[in-house]
Amino acid sequence: MVVSAKKHLGPNISVICREQDRSALTDMGVKVRKTIQTIGGVIAENENGSKELDLTYEELLRIHEDEVKGSILEGIV
């Protein structure tokens, strides 16, 4: 996820993540701005905070909701 965020936002990003993920991200050299309650994933911001990329599981599920529902229904039928 961090690689994807850097690709879209530039090399100097900061992230918002779960407290449980903070140390792993800081070990990778990523600046953790604050923590949030989420199932997982990160919200990444570019260096000046003008662009944001939400890669939390909740947001990704929301974006792909129709595909997920379709896959579930295919498994039931």
N, C-alpha and C. Protein backbone atom coordinates (compact mmCIF):
# COMPACT_ATOMS: atom_id res chain seq x y z
N MET A 1 0.81 -1.19 0.00
CA MET A 1 0.00 0.00 0.00
C MET A 1 0.85 1.26 0.00
N VAL A 2 1.94 1.22 0.75
CA VAL A 2 2.80 2.39 0.81
C VAL A 2 3.44 2.66 -0.55
N VAL A 3 3.83 1.61 -1.24
CA VAL A 3 4.43 1.77 -2.57
C VAL A 3 3.43 2.41 -3.52
N SER A 4 2.18 1.96 -3.47
CA SER A 4 1.12 2.53 -4.30
C SER A 4 0.91 4.00 -3.96
N ALA A 5 0.91 4.33 -2.68
CA ALA A 5 0.72 5.71 -2.26
C ALA A 5 1.86 6.59 -2.76
N LYS A 6 3.10 6.11 -2.64
CA LYS A 6 4.25 6.88 -3.11
C LYS A 6 4.20 7.08 -4.61
N LYS A 7 3.70 6.07 -5.33
CA LYS A 7 3.58 6.17 -6.79
C LYS A 7 2.62 7.29 -7.18
N HIS A 8 1.53 7.43 -6.43
CA HIS A 8 0.50 8.42 -6.76
C HIS A 8 0.73 9.79 -6.13
N LEU A 9 1.40 9.83 -4.98
CA LEU A 9 1.52 11.08 -4.24
C LEU A 9 2.94 11.64 -4.18
N GLY A 10 3.91 10.87 -4.57
CA GLY A 10 5.30 11.33 -4.49
C GLY A 10 6.04 10.60 -3.38
N PRO A 11 7.34 10.76 -3.34
CA PRO A 11 8.16 9.98 -2.41
C PRO A 11 8.03 10.38 -0.94
N ASN A 12 7.66 11.61 -0.67
CA ASN A 12 7.58 12.09 0.71
C ASN A 12 6.13 12.14 1.17
N ILE A 13 5.67 11.01 1.71
CA ILE A 13 4.29 10.94 2.17
C ILE A 13 4.26 10.79 3.69
N SER A 14 3.11 11.13 4.24
CA SER A 14 2.84 10.80 5.64
C SER A 14 1.56 9.97 5.64
N VAL A 15 1.38 9.15 6.66
CA VAL A 15 0.22 8.28 6.69
C VAL A 15 -0.53 8.40 8.01
N ILE A 16 -1.78 8.02 7.93
CA ILE A 16 -2.65 7.85 9.08
C ILE A 16 -2.98 6.36 9.09
N CYS A 17 -2.78 5.70 10.23
CA CYS A 17 -2.92 4.24 10.26
C CYS A 17 -3.39 3.78 11.63
N ARG A 18 -3.58 2.47 11.76
CA ARG A 18 -3.90 1.88 13.06
C ARG A 18 -2.68 1.97 13.97
N GLU A 19 -2.91 2.06 15.26
CA GLU A 19 -1.81 2.08 16.22
C GLU A 19 -0.94 0.83 16.07
N GLN A 20 -1.59 -0.31 15.79
CA GLN A 20 -0.87 -1.58 15.65
C GLN A 20 0.11 -1.57 14.47
N ASP A 21 -0.12 -0.71 13.48
CA ASP A 21 0.73 -0.66 12.28
C ASP A 21 1.80 0.41 12.36
N ARG A 22 1.74 1.26 13.36
CA ARG A 22 2.65 2.41 13.47
C ARG A 22 4.12 2.00 13.41
N SER A 23 4.53 1.04 14.23
CA SER A 23 5.95 0.70 14.29
C SER A 23 6.45 0.09 12.98
N ALA A 24 5.63 -0.74 12.35
CA ALA A 24 6.04 -1.34 11.07
C ALA A 24 6.26 -0.26 10.01
N LEU A 25 5.39 0.73 9.99
CA LEU A 25 5.52 1.80 9.00
C LEU A 25 6.71 2.70 9.30
N THR A 26 6.90 3.04 10.56
CA THR A 26 8.05 3.89 10.89
C THR A 26 9.36 3.14 10.63
N ASP A 27 9.37 1.82 10.83
CA ASP A 27 10.56 1.02 10.50
C ASP A 27 10.88 1.08 9.01
N MET A 28 9.83 1.29 8.19
CA MET A 28 10.01 1.40 6.74
C MET A 28 10.39 2.83 6.34
N GLY A 29 10.48 3.73 7.31
CA GLY A 29 10.85 5.11 7.00
C GLY A 29 9.68 5.99 6.64
N VAL A 30 8.47 5.55 6.93
CA VAL A 30 7.28 6.33 6.61
C VAL A 30 6.88 7.15 7.83
N LYS A 31 6.57 8.41 7.60
CA LYS A 31 6.14 9.30 8.69
C LYS A 31 4.67 9.01 9.01
N VAL A 32 4.39 8.65 10.25
CA VAL A 32 3.02 8.41 10.69
C VAL A 32 2.53 9.69 11.36
N ARG A 33 1.52 10.31 10.76
CA ARG A 33 1.01 11.59 11.26
C ARG A 33 0.11 11.41 12.46
N LYS A 34 -0.78 10.42 12.41
CA LYS A 34 -1.65 10.10 13.53
C LYS A 34 -2.24 8.72 13.33
N THR A 35 -2.98 8.24 14.31
CA THR A 35 -3.60 6.92 14.20
C THR A 35 -5.11 7.07 14.14
N ILE A 36 -5.76 6.05 13.56
CA ILE A 36 -7.22 6.02 13.44
C ILE A 36 -7.72 4.62 13.76
N GLN A 37 -9.01 4.53 13.98
CA GLN A 37 -9.67 3.24 14.15
C GLN A 37 -10.09 2.76 12.77
N THR A 38 -9.52 1.66 12.32
CA THR A 38 -9.85 1.07 11.03
C THR A 38 -9.52 -0.42 11.09
N ILE A 39 -10.12 -1.18 10.20
CA ILE A 39 -9.80 -2.61 10.13
C ILE A 39 -8.34 -2.78 9.71
N GLY A 40 -7.90 -1.96 8.80
CA GLY A 40 -6.52 -2.01 8.32
C GLY A 40 -6.34 -1.07 7.15
N GLY A 41 -5.12 -1.00 6.67
CA GLY A 41 -4.81 -0.09 5.57
C GLY A 41 -4.35 1.25 6.10
N VAL A 42 -4.15 2.19 5.19
CA VAL A 42 -3.66 3.52 5.56
C VAL A 42 -4.37 4.59 4.75
N ILE A 43 -4.31 5.80 5.26
CA ILE A 43 -4.66 6.99 4.49
C ILE A 43 -3.34 7.72 4.32
N ALA A 44 -2.95 7.95 3.08
CA ALA A 44 -1.67 8.59 2.79
C ALA A 44 -1.90 10.00 2.27
N GLU A 45 -0.98 10.90 2.62
CA GLU A 45 -1.04 12.28 2.16
C GLU A 45 0.29 12.66 1.54
N ASN A 46 0.23 13.55 0.54
CA ASN A 46 1.48 14.03 -0.03
C ASN A 46 2.16 14.98 0.95
N GLU A 47 3.32 15.45 0.56
CA GLU A 47 4.18 16.23 1.46
C GLU A 47 3.49 17.46 2.04
N ASN A 48 2.72 18.18 1.24
CA ASN A 48 2.09 19.41 1.75
C ASN A 48 0.64 19.20 2.18
N GLY A 49 0.16 17.97 2.14
CA GLY A 49 -1.19 17.67 2.60
C GLY A 49 -2.31 18.04 1.65
N SER A 50 -1.97 18.41 0.42
CA SER A 50 -3.00 18.84 -0.53
C SER A 50 -3.68 17.67 -1.25
N LYS A 51 -3.07 16.48 -1.22
CA LYS A 51 -3.66 15.30 -1.85
C LYS A 51 -3.68 14.16 -0.85
N GLU A 52 -4.76 13.38 -0.92
CA GLU A 52 -4.92 12.26 0.01
C GLU A 52 -5.35 11.02 -0.76
N LEU A 53 -4.89 9.87 -0.31
CA LEU A 53 -5.26 8.60 -0.92
C LEU A 53 -5.71 7.67 0.20
N ASP A 54 -7.00 7.32 0.21
CA ASP A 54 -7.56 6.47 1.26
C ASP A 54 -7.47 5.02 0.82
N LEU A 55 -6.58 4.28 1.46
CA LEU A 55 -6.38 2.87 1.16
C LEU A 55 -6.77 2.00 2.36
N THR A 56 -7.74 2.47 3.15
CA THR A 56 -8.23 1.66 4.26
C THR A 56 -9.12 0.56 3.70
N TYR A 57 -9.20 -0.55 4.40
CA TYR A 57 -10.04 -1.65 3.95
C TYR A 57 -11.49 -1.22 3.79
N GLU A 58 -11.96 -0.39 4.71
CA GLU A 58 -13.36 0.05 4.63
C GLU A 58 -13.62 0.83 3.34
N GLU A 59 -12.70 1.71 2.97
CA GLU A 59 -12.86 2.50 1.76
C GLU A 59 -12.74 1.61 0.52
N LEU A 60 -11.80 0.68 0.52
CA LEU A 60 -11.66 -0.21 -0.62
C LEU A 60 -12.89 -1.10 -0.80
N LEU A 61 -13.46 -1.56 0.31
CA LEU A 61 -14.71 -2.34 0.23
C LEU A 61 -15.86 -1.49 -0.31
N ARG A 62 -15.92 -0.23 0.13
CA ARG A 62 -16.98 0.67 -0.34
C ARG A 62 -16.86 0.89 -1.85
N ILE A 63 -15.64 1.11 -2.32
CA ILE A 63 -15.41 1.35 -3.74
C ILE A 63 -15.78 0.13 -4.57
N HIS A 64 -15.49 -1.06 -4.06
CA HIS A 64 -15.70 -2.30 -4.81
C HIS A 64 -16.94 -3.07 -4.31
N GLU A 65 -17.86 -2.36 -3.69
CA GLU A 65 -19.03 -2.99 -3.07
C GLU A 65 -19.81 -3.87 -4.04
N ASP A 66 -20.09 -3.37 -5.24
CA ASP A 66 -20.87 -4.14 -6.20
C ASP A 66 -20.16 -5.43 -6.62
N GLU A 67 -18.85 -5.34 -6.82
CA GLU A 67 -18.08 -6.54 -7.19
C GLU A 67 -18.09 -7.56 -6.06
N VAL A 68 -17.94 -7.09 -4.83
CA VAL A 68 -17.94 -7.99 -3.67
C VAL A 68 -19.29 -8.67 -3.55
N LYS A 69 -20.36 -7.89 -3.66
CA LYS A 69 -21.71 -8.47 -3.56
C LYS A 69 -21.93 -9.50 -4.67
N GLY A 70 -21.49 -9.19 -5.88
CA GLY A 70 -21.63 -10.13 -6.99
C GLY A 70 -20.88 -11.44 -6.73
N SER A 71 -19.69 -11.33 -6.22
CA SER A 71 -18.90 -12.53 -5.91
C SER A 71 -19.56 -13.38 -4.84
N ILE A 72 -20.11 -12.73 -3.85
CA ILE A 72 -20.80 -13.46 -2.77
C ILE A 72 -22.03 -14.16 -3.31
N LEU A 73 -22.80 -13.45 -4.13
CA LEU A 73 -24.00 -14.05 -4.71
C LEU A 73 -23.68 -15.21 -5.63
N GLU A 74 -22.59 -15.12 -6.39
CA GLU A 74 -22.18 -16.23 -7.27
C GLU A 74 -21.85 -17.46 -6.44
N GLY A 75 -21.28 -17.27 -5.27
CA GLY A 75 -20.93 -18.38 -4.40
C GLY A 75 -22.15 -19.05 -3.78
N ILE A 76 -23.24 -18.31 -3.62
CA ILE A 76 -24.46 -18.84 -3.04
C ILE A 76 -25.25 -19.64 -4.05
N VAL A 77 -25.27 -19.21 -5.29
CA VAL A 77 -26.08 -19.85 -6.33
C VAL A 77 -25.50 -21.15 -6.76
